[in-house]
Amino acid sequence: MWDWPIAIYLFLIGISAGLVTLAILLRRFHPEAGGSDSTLLRTTLVLGPGAIILGLLILVFHLTRPWTFWKLMFHYSFTSVMSMGVMLFQLYMVVLVLWLAKIFEKEVIALQQRWLPRLEIVQKVLALITPFHRALETLMLVLAVLLGAYTGFLLSALKSYPFLNNPILPALFLFSGISSGAAVALIAMALRHRSNPHSTEARFVHRMEVSGGMAGNFPAGGVLRRSGVGR
């Protein structure tokens, strides 16, 4: 069975997927609150890719031969859950960077003009994304949901552990990740908006946290029933 670094890795992946999911839903249901000044979006900007990178670093150094990790990035097996996860991570990170860069376009262009004035391709790429930004955001939501559920698929592939070999586990991990992302976002909002703890985005995230927690109870109960706990 895997040890504690894997648990931290799974937790960080859940936070990233949860934050991205919440950020996109906020932009869909409350567009006026989902701009670049949003605390949720700014938290996602830092922890969305940051949690993934940290989690993958933990995973790489946990390998018996960490210097061979790059082979997983180019050799895929469509019958392996872990290999499909590597492909998902790569696509997730590419789309995440493009999606965040478009949302924080002014800040990105300002940084580019200050530090890399000759790298004009940045502005061209951002302009190219503009007509497809909503479609890109929809794809980002799908990838975030898949990533949140992926950790459950990964654990459910352990057939030697009946408690984990459960088809309900992906839904449980998805809702758990959303709840974790909501908790991180609410902490960030409390630190940034101490004078206004009842902003639109704070109320939205709190509702999503409660809904996610309640929804997560059903998969959790299903896992316990299927494993025979409490009989």
Protein backbone atom coordinates (compact mmCIF):
# COMPACT_ATOMS: atom_id res chain seq x y z
CA MET A 1 0.00 0.00 0.00
CA TRP A 2 1.21 3.55 -0.70
CA ASP A 3 2.54 5.66 2.17
CA TRP A 4 2.05 9.25 3.33
CA PRO A 5 3.71 11.19 0.43
CA ILE A 6 1.06 9.76 -1.88
CA ALA A 7 -1.68 10.99 0.47
CA ILE A 8 -0.22 14.53 0.30
CA TYR A 9 0.02 14.25 -3.49
CA LEU A 10 -3.64 13.22 -3.76
CA PHE A 11 -4.66 16.05 -1.41
CA LEU A 12 -2.82 18.68 -3.48
CA ILE A 13 -4.34 17.39 -6.72
CA GLY A 14 -7.79 17.65 -5.16
CA ILE A 15 -7.18 21.26 -4.09
CA SER A 16 -6.13 22.26 -7.61
CA ALA A 17 -9.08 20.53 -9.27
CA GLY A 18 -11.48 21.92 -6.67
CA LEU A 19 -10.27 25.51 -7.01
CA VAL A 20 -10.43 25.43 -10.81
CA THR A 21 -13.92 23.92 -10.75
CA LEU A 22 -15.18 26.54 -8.30
CA ALA A 23 -13.53 29.40 -10.22
CA ILE A 24 -15.18 28.39 -13.50
CA LEU A 25 -18.58 27.91 -11.89
CA LEU A 26 -18.26 31.35 -10.24
CA ARG A 27 -17.53 32.90 -13.64
CA ARG A 28 -20.56 31.15 -15.14
CA PHE A 29 -23.09 31.97 -12.41
CA HIS A 30 -21.66 35.32 -11.23
CA PRO A 31 -19.65 36.80 -14.13
CA GLU A 32 -19.38 40.16 -12.39
CA ALA A 33 -17.55 38.52 -9.46
CA GLY A 34 -15.29 36.27 -11.52
CA GLY A 35 -12.84 38.80 -12.90
CA SER A 36 -9.11 39.07 -12.39
CA ASP A 37 -9.63 40.87 -9.07
CA SER A 38 -11.56 37.93 -7.61
CA THR A 39 -9.90 36.36 -4.59
CA LEU A 40 -10.99 32.93 -5.78
CA LEU A 41 -9.40 33.53 -9.20
CA ARG A 42 -6.21 34.90 -7.65
CA THR A 43 -6.01 31.91 -5.31
CA THR A 44 -6.55 29.62 -8.30
CA LEU A 45 -3.81 31.48 -10.19
CA VAL A 46 -1.31 30.55 -7.48
CA LEU A 47 -2.52 27.20 -6.19
CA GLY A 48 -4.12 25.83 -9.36
CA PRO A 49 -0.79 25.12 -11.07
CA GLY A 50 1.24 25.41 -7.85
CA ALA A 51 -0.45 22.49 -6.08
CA ILE A 52 -0.09 20.33 -9.19
CA ILE A 53 3.62 21.10 -9.54
CA LEU A 54 4.29 20.47 -5.83
CA GLY A 55 2.27 17.26 -5.88
CA LEU A 56 4.10 15.95 -8.93
CA LEU A 57 7.49 16.83 -7.41
CA ILE A 58 6.55 14.83 -4.31
CA LEU A 59 5.49 11.95 -6.53
CA VAL A 60 8.68 12.06 -8.63
CA PHE A 61 11.01 12.03 -5.63
CA HIS A 62 8.97 9.22 -4.13
CA LEU A 63 9.84 6.99 -7.09
CA THR A 64 12.52 4.34 -6.68
CA ARG A 65 14.33 5.83 -9.69
CA PRO A 66 13.16 9.46 -9.88
CA TRP A 67 15.53 10.28 -12.75
CA THR A 68 13.44 8.09 -15.08
CA PHE A 69 10.18 9.99 -14.53
CA TRP A 70 10.43 11.69 -17.94
CA LYS A 71 9.74 8.35 -19.65
CA LEU A 72 6.17 8.45 -18.33
CA MET A 73 5.64 11.72 -20.18
CA PHE A 74 6.24 10.21 -23.61
CA HIS A 75 5.32 6.54 -23.30
CA TYR A 76 1.58 6.04 -22.84
CA SER A 77 -0.39 2.89 -22.17
CA PHE A 78 -4.13 3.14 -22.76
CA THR A 79 -4.70 0.17 -20.47
CA SER A 80 -2.99 1.83 -17.49
CA VAL A 81 -4.90 4.22 -15.22
CA MET A 82 -1.65 5.83 -14.11
CA SER A 83 -0.46 6.37 -17.68
CA MET A 84 -3.78 7.96 -18.61
CA GLY A 85 -3.37 10.15 -15.56
CA VAL A 86 -0.02 11.42 -16.86
CA MET A 87 -1.69 12.36 -20.13
CA LEU A 88 -4.49 14.09 -18.21
CA PHE A 89 -1.98 16.07 -16.14
CA GLN A 90 -0.19 17.29 -19.25
CA LEU A 91 -3.38 18.42 -20.99
CA TYR A 92 -4.72 19.93 -17.76
CA MET A 93 -1.60 22.06 -17.22
CA VAL A 94 -1.50 23.35 -20.81
CA VAL A 95 -5.17 24.36 -20.80
CA LEU A 96 -4.88 25.77 -17.26
CA VAL A 97 -1.98 28.06 -18.22
CA LEU A 98 -3.82 29.32 -21.32
CA TRP A 99 -7.08 29.83 -19.41
CA LEU A 100 -5.42 31.73 -16.55
CA ALA A 101 -3.27 33.78 -18.94
CA LYS A 102 -6.40 34.97 -20.75
CA ILE A 103 -8.19 35.90 -17.52
CA PHE A 104 -5.14 37.82 -16.27
CA GLU A 105 -4.32 39.11 -19.74
CA LYS A 106 -3.49 42.68 -18.67
CA GLU A 107 -1.11 41.48 -15.98
CA VAL A 108 0.53 38.95 -18.31
CA ILE A 109 1.08 41.53 -21.06
CA ALA A 110 2.46 44.04 -18.54
CA LEU A 111 4.97 41.45 -17.28
CA GLN A 112 5.87 40.44 -20.82
CA GLN A 113 6.49 44.03 -21.92
CA ARG A 114 8.59 44.72 -18.85
CA TRP A 115 10.75 41.60 -18.73
CA LEU A 116 10.48 39.99 -22.18
CA PRO A 117 9.64 42.80 -24.63
CA ARG A 118 10.80 40.78 -27.64
CA LEU A 119 8.54 37.85 -26.85
CA GLU A 120 5.62 39.25 -28.84
CA ILE A 121 4.20 35.78 -29.41
CA VAL A 122 2.58 36.01 -25.97
CA GLN A 123 0.21 38.76 -27.13
CA LYS A 124 -0.47 36.90 -30.38
CA VAL A 125 -1.40 33.71 -28.53
CA LEU A 126 -3.70 35.61 -26.15
CA ALA A 127 -5.38 37.32 -29.10
CA LEU A 128 -5.78 33.96 -30.81
CA ILE A 129 -7.51 32.51 -27.74
CA THR A 130 -10.09 35.31 -27.48
CA PRO A 131 -12.77 33.85 -29.84
CA PHE A 132 -12.43 30.44 -28.19
CA HIS A 133 -12.13 31.50 -24.57
CA ARG A 134 -15.54 30.22 -23.49
CA ALA A 135 -14.93 26.88 -25.22
CA LEU A 136 -11.51 26.74 -23.57
CA GLU A 137 -13.14 27.41 -20.21
CA THR A 138 -15.64 24.59 -20.78
CA LEU A 139 -12.78 22.24 -21.64
CA MET A 140 -10.98 23.40 -18.50
CA LEU A 141 -14.03 22.54 -16.39
CA VAL A 142 -14.22 19.05 -17.91
CA LEU A 143 -10.51 18.47 -17.26
CA ALA A 144 -10.79 19.72 -13.67
CA VAL A 145 -13.69 17.34 -12.98
CA LEU A 146 -11.77 14.46 -14.57
CA LEU A 147 -8.68 15.29 -12.53
CA GLY A 148 -10.70 15.47 -9.32
CA ALA A 149 -12.18 12.05 -10.05
CA TYR A 150 -8.91 10.59 -11.36
CA THR A 151 -7.46 10.04 -7.90
CA GLY A 152 -10.49 7.90 -7.10
CA PHE A 153 -10.03 5.90 -10.31
CA LEU A 154 -6.36 5.42 -9.41
CA LEU A 155 -7.14 4.02 -5.96
CA SER A 156 -10.08 1.94 -7.16
CA ALA A 157 -7.66 0.12 -9.48
CA LEU A 158 -6.10 -1.53 -6.39
CA LYS A 159 -8.03 -4.78 -6.64
CA SER A 160 -6.19 -6.34 -3.70
CA TYR A 161 -7.85 -3.82 -1.35
CA PRO A 162 -11.65 -4.36 -1.37
CA PHE A 163 -12.24 -1.13 0.57
CA LEU A 164 -10.58 0.89 -2.23
CA ASN A 165 -11.68 -1.27 -5.16
CA ASN A 166 -14.94 0.64 -5.41
CA PRO A 167 -16.54 2.38 -8.43
CA ILE A 168 -18.02 5.08 -6.17
CA LEU A 169 -14.57 6.28 -5.10
CA PRO A 170 -14.06 8.75 -8.03
CA ALA A 171 -17.21 10.69 -7.07
CA LEU A 172 -16.10 10.76 -3.44
CA PHE A 173 -12.69 12.18 -4.36
CA LEU A 174 -14.25 14.73 -6.70
CA PHE A 175 -16.55 16.16 -4.01
CA SER A 176 -13.74 15.96 -1.46
CA GLY A 177 -11.48 17.99 -3.74
CA ILE A 178 -14.18 20.62 -4.26
CA SER A 179 -14.66 20.89 -0.49
CA SER A 180 -10.89 21.22 0.03
CA GLY A 181 -10.65 23.87 -2.68
CA ALA A 182 -13.57 25.75 -1.14
CA ALA A 183 -11.91 25.69 2.28
CA VAL A 184 -8.66 27.10 0.87
CA ALA A 185 -10.58 29.78 -1.05
CA LEU A 186 -12.59 30.82 2.02
CA ILE A 187 -9.40 31.15 4.08
CA ALA A 188 -7.90 33.36 1.36
CA MET A 189 -11.06 35.49 1.25
CA ALA A 190 -11.08 35.86 5.03
CA LEU A 191 -7.48 37.09 4.95
CA ARG A 192 -8.03 39.47 2.03
CA HIS A 193 -11.51 40.79 2.80
CA ARG A 194 -11.67 40.91 6.57
CA SER A 195 -14.05 43.84 6.40
CA ASN A 196 -16.39 42.09 3.96
CA PRO A 197 -16.68 38.35 4.73
CA HIS A 198 -20.05 38.16 2.95
CA SER A 199 -19.03 39.05 -0.59
CA THR A 200 -20.75 37.44 -3.57
CA GLU A 201 -17.92 35.01 -4.21
CA ALA A 202 -17.64 34.10 -0.51
CA ARG A 203 -21.35 33.25 -0.35
CA PHE A 204 -21.10 31.28 -3.59
CA VAL A 205 -18.08 29.26 -2.45
CA HIS A 206 -19.73 28.58 0.91
CA ARG A 207 -22.86 27.27 -0.82
CA MET A 208 -20.74 25.06 -3.05
CA GLU A 209 -18.80 23.78 -0.05
CA VAL A 210 -21.99 22.82 1.78
CA SER A 211 -23.49 21.26 -1.36
CA GLY A 212 -20.27 19.39 -2.10
CA GLY A 213 -20.04 18.11 1.46
CA MET A 214 -23.61 16.87 1.41
CA ALA A 215 -23.18 15.28 -2.03
CA GLY A 216 -19.96 13.63 -0.88
CA ASN A 217 -21.79 11.87 1.93
CA PHE A 218 -23.66 9.68 -0.56
CA PRO A 219 -20.53 8.23 -2.22
CA ALA A 220 -18.89 7.85 1.21
CA GLY A 221 -21.88 5.87 2.44
CA GLY A 222 -21.77 3.77 -0.70
CA VAL A 223 -18.08 2.99 -0.17
CA LEU A 224 -18.74 1.86 3.40
CA ARG A 225 -21.70 -0.29 2.40
CA ARG A 226 -19.85 -1.97 -0.45
CA SER A 227 -16.86 -2.70 1.77
CA GLY A 228 -19.06 -4.22 4.46
CA VAL A 229 -18.18 -1.68 7.15
CA GLY A 230 -20.82 -1.47 9.85
CA ARG A 231 -22.33 -4.88 9.15
